Amino acid sequence: MEIQMIQKGHILWNRTISFARSCSWKAGAYLAERMEKNAFLDWERVIVAVEDGNIAGFCTFSERDELPEAYDYSPFIGFVFVDETYRGRRISEKMIQRILGYAKALGFDSVYIMSGEQGLYEKYGFVKTGDFPTVYGTTDQLFRMDLQPVSRV
């Protein structure tokens, strides 16, 4: 399993757009649209899990997610999806670990995830902060992970 952090122009960019658009999760189409428009800041990334040349899953690392701008939390891991064929292999965890290393290198103190999942992100070390409204008019859980500073020798 290979975990790639990609931006527009990467060899996997267009394949990831197609995969996201056709995946079984309705949010995949929204991610595909964002990728087509390249609606990302310079430091934001799409993370792709690849096995034997096949895309197995994706997620994003970005400034904002579904939390309204009135809340001052950032950055976010979002759009976490693993294709049904590849589930049970800890691919989400591998993608998240890759993001956490990148976030530390950028100097972030913490990382957030909005999710309705129960018990998934806690096992990766995230702590539930509370239930918050989303930009979609629903309520989701906000999870936070504090990052240990990178030691510089």
Protein backbone atom coordinates (compact mmCIF):
# COMPACT_ATOMS: atom_id res chain seq x y z
CA MET A 1 0.00 0.00 0.00
CA GLU A 2 1.37 3.35 -1.04
CA ILE A 3 0.07 6.64 0.39
CA GLN A 4 0.53 9.64 -1.92
CA MET A 5 -0.02 13.30 -1.09
CA ILE A 6 -1.06 14.96 -4.33
CA GLN A 7 -1.84 18.34 -5.88
CA LYS A 8 -3.01 19.35 -9.32
CA GLY A 9 -0.54 18.12 -11.93
CA HIS A 10 0.28 14.91 -10.07
CA ILE A 11 0.01 11.75 -12.18
CA LEU A 12 -2.84 10.50 -9.93
CA TRP A 13 -4.86 13.76 -9.96
CA ASN A 14 -7.27 12.95 -12.81
CA ARG A 15 -7.58 9.29 -11.81
CA THR A 16 -8.50 10.38 -8.29
CA ILE A 17 -11.15 12.75 -9.66
CA SER A 18 -12.69 9.85 -11.61
CA PHE A 19 -12.47 7.50 -8.64
CA ALA A 20 -14.05 10.05 -6.28
CA ARG A 21 -16.85 10.84 -8.74
CA SER A 22 -17.79 7.18 -9.16
CA CYS A 23 -17.26 5.95 -5.57
CA SER A 24 -20.16 4.71 -3.45
CA TRP A 25 -20.07 7.75 -1.11
CA LYS A 26 -22.07 10.78 -2.23
CA ALA A 27 -19.44 13.21 -0.89
CA GLY A 28 -16.99 11.80 -3.42
CA ALA A 29 -18.69 13.75 -6.21
CA TYR A 30 -18.21 16.98 -4.25
CA LEU A 31 -14.51 16.24 -3.78
CA ALA A 32 -14.21 15.50 -7.52
CA GLU A 33 -15.77 18.90 -8.25
CA ARG A 34 -13.35 20.66 -5.87
CA MET A 35 -10.43 18.88 -7.52
CA GLU A 36 -11.60 19.84 -11.04
CA LYS A 37 -11.71 23.48 -9.93
CA ASN A 38 -8.43 23.05 -8.00
CA ALA A 39 -10.15 24.71 -5.02
CA PHE A 40 -7.19 24.18 -2.69
CA LEU A 41 -4.66 26.40 -0.96
CA ASP A 42 -0.97 25.87 -1.73
CA TRP A 43 -0.36 23.77 1.39
CA GLU A 44 -3.58 21.72 1.17
CA ARG A 45 -3.37 18.18 -0.18
CA VAL A 46 -5.45 15.29 -1.43
CA ILE A 47 -4.18 12.01 -0.01
CA VAL A 48 -4.57 8.86 -2.08
CA ALA A 49 -4.04 5.23 -1.07
CA VAL A 50 -2.85 3.08 -3.98
CA GLU A 51 -2.43 -0.68 -4.11
CA ASP A 52 -1.16 -2.50 -7.19
CA GLY A 53 -1.91 0.57 -9.29
CA ASN A 54 -5.52 0.80 -8.06
CA ILE A 55 -6.87 3.65 -5.98
CA ALA A 56 -8.12 2.21 -2.71
CA GLY A 57 -9.12 5.39 -0.90
CA PHE A 58 -8.68 9.10 -0.43
CA CYS A 59 -8.96 11.95 2.05
CA THR A 60 -7.99 15.60 2.22
CA PHE A 61 -5.99 17.91 4.43
CA SER A 62 -7.36 21.44 4.26
CA GLU A 63 -7.98 24.67 6.11
CA ARG A 64 -11.76 24.20 6.35
CA ASP A 65 -14.28 21.38 6.29
CA GLU A 66 -18.00 21.29 7.01
CA LEU A 67 -17.74 23.41 10.17
CA PRO A 68 -19.12 26.96 9.70
CA GLU A 69 -16.51 29.73 9.53
CA ALA A 70 -17.82 31.18 12.81
CA TYR A 71 -15.75 28.48 14.52
CA ASP A 72 -12.01 29.08 14.55
CA TYR A 73 -10.79 25.48 14.18
CA SER A 74 -8.24 24.53 11.55
CA PRO A 75 -6.79 22.50 9.80
CA PHE A 76 -9.04 19.55 8.95
CA ILE A 77 -8.76 16.03 7.69
CA GLY A 78 -11.81 15.51 5.50
CA PHE A 79 -13.40 13.31 2.85
CA VAL A 80 -12.04 10.11 4.41
CA PHE A 81 -13.12 7.25 2.15
CA VAL A 82 -11.85 3.72 1.55
CA ASP A 83 -13.40 1.58 -1.19
CA GLU A 84 -15.37 -1.37 0.18
CA THR A 85 -12.94 -3.83 -1.45
CA TYR A 86 -10.07 -2.50 0.65
CA ARG A 87 -11.74 -1.95 4.02
CA GLY A 88 -10.40 -3.63 7.14
CA ARG A 89 -6.76 -2.99 6.22
CA ARG A 90 -6.26 0.18 8.30
CA ILE A 91 -5.96 2.31 5.16
CA SER A 92 -7.75 5.26 6.80
CA GLU A 93 -5.25 5.12 9.64
CA LYS A 94 -2.30 5.06 7.20
CA MET A 95 -3.64 8.10 5.32
CA ILE A 96 -4.28 9.95 8.58
CA GLN A 97 -0.78 9.15 9.88
CA ARG A 98 0.70 10.57 6.68
CA ILE A 99 -1.31 13.76 7.17
CA LEU A 100 -0.28 14.07 10.82
CA GLY A 101 3.40 13.97 9.84
CA TYR A 102 2.81 16.62 7.20
CA ALA A 103 0.80 18.80 9.62
CA LYS A 104 3.63 18.64 12.18
CA ALA A 105 6.16 19.60 9.54
CA LEU A 106 4.01 22.63 8.65
CA GLY A 107 3.97 23.65 12.34
CA PHE A 108 0.34 22.95 13.21
CA ASP A 109 -0.38 22.27 16.90
CA SER A 110 -3.52 20.23 16.30
CA VAL A 111 -5.68 18.68 13.58
CA TYR A 112 -9.48 18.31 13.43
CA ILE A 113 -11.98 15.93 11.89
CA MET A 114 -15.75 16.35 11.59
CA SER A 115 -17.59 13.03 11.51
CA GLY A 116 -20.73 11.17 12.39
CA GLU A 117 -18.75 7.96 12.97
CA GLN A 118 -18.75 6.51 16.47
CA GLY A 119 -15.50 5.00 17.78
CA LEU A 120 -13.47 5.30 14.58
CA TYR A 121 -11.31 8.35 15.12
CA GLU A 122 -10.94 7.83 18.86
CA LYS A 123 -8.94 4.66 18.17
CA TYR A 124 -6.49 6.78 16.17
CA GLY A 125 -5.99 9.14 19.13
CA PHE A 126 -8.57 11.84 18.36
CA VAL A 127 -10.67 13.22 21.21
CA LYS A 128 -14.26 14.33 20.73
CA THR A 129 -14.56 18.06 21.34
CA GLY A 130 -18.35 18.16 21.02
CA ASP A 131 -21.27 18.20 18.64
CA PHE A 132 -21.31 21.12 16.22
CA PRO A 133 -23.55 22.40 13.44
CA THR A 134 -22.35 21.91 9.88
CA VAL A 135 -22.64 24.14 6.83
CA TYR A 136 -25.25 21.63 5.60
CA GLY A 137 -27.66 22.33 8.46
CA THR A 138 -26.90 19.05 10.23
CA THR A 139 -24.90 18.26 13.36
CA ASP A 140 -21.66 16.28 13.47
CA GLN A 141 -19.00 15.49 16.00
CA LEU A 142 -15.79 17.51 16.08
CA PHE A 143 -12.65 15.53 16.93
CA ARG A 144 -9.24 16.98 17.75
CA MET A 145 -5.75 15.58 17.93
CA ASP A 146 -2.97 17.59 19.52
CA LEU A 147 0.33 17.14 17.74
CA GLN A 148 3.66 16.72 19.44
CA PRO A 149 6.18 19.26 18.17
CA VAL A 150 8.79 17.99 15.76
CA SER A 151 12.14 17.83 17.56
CA ARG A 152 14.82 19.72 15.73
CA VAL A 153 18.39 18.65 16.36
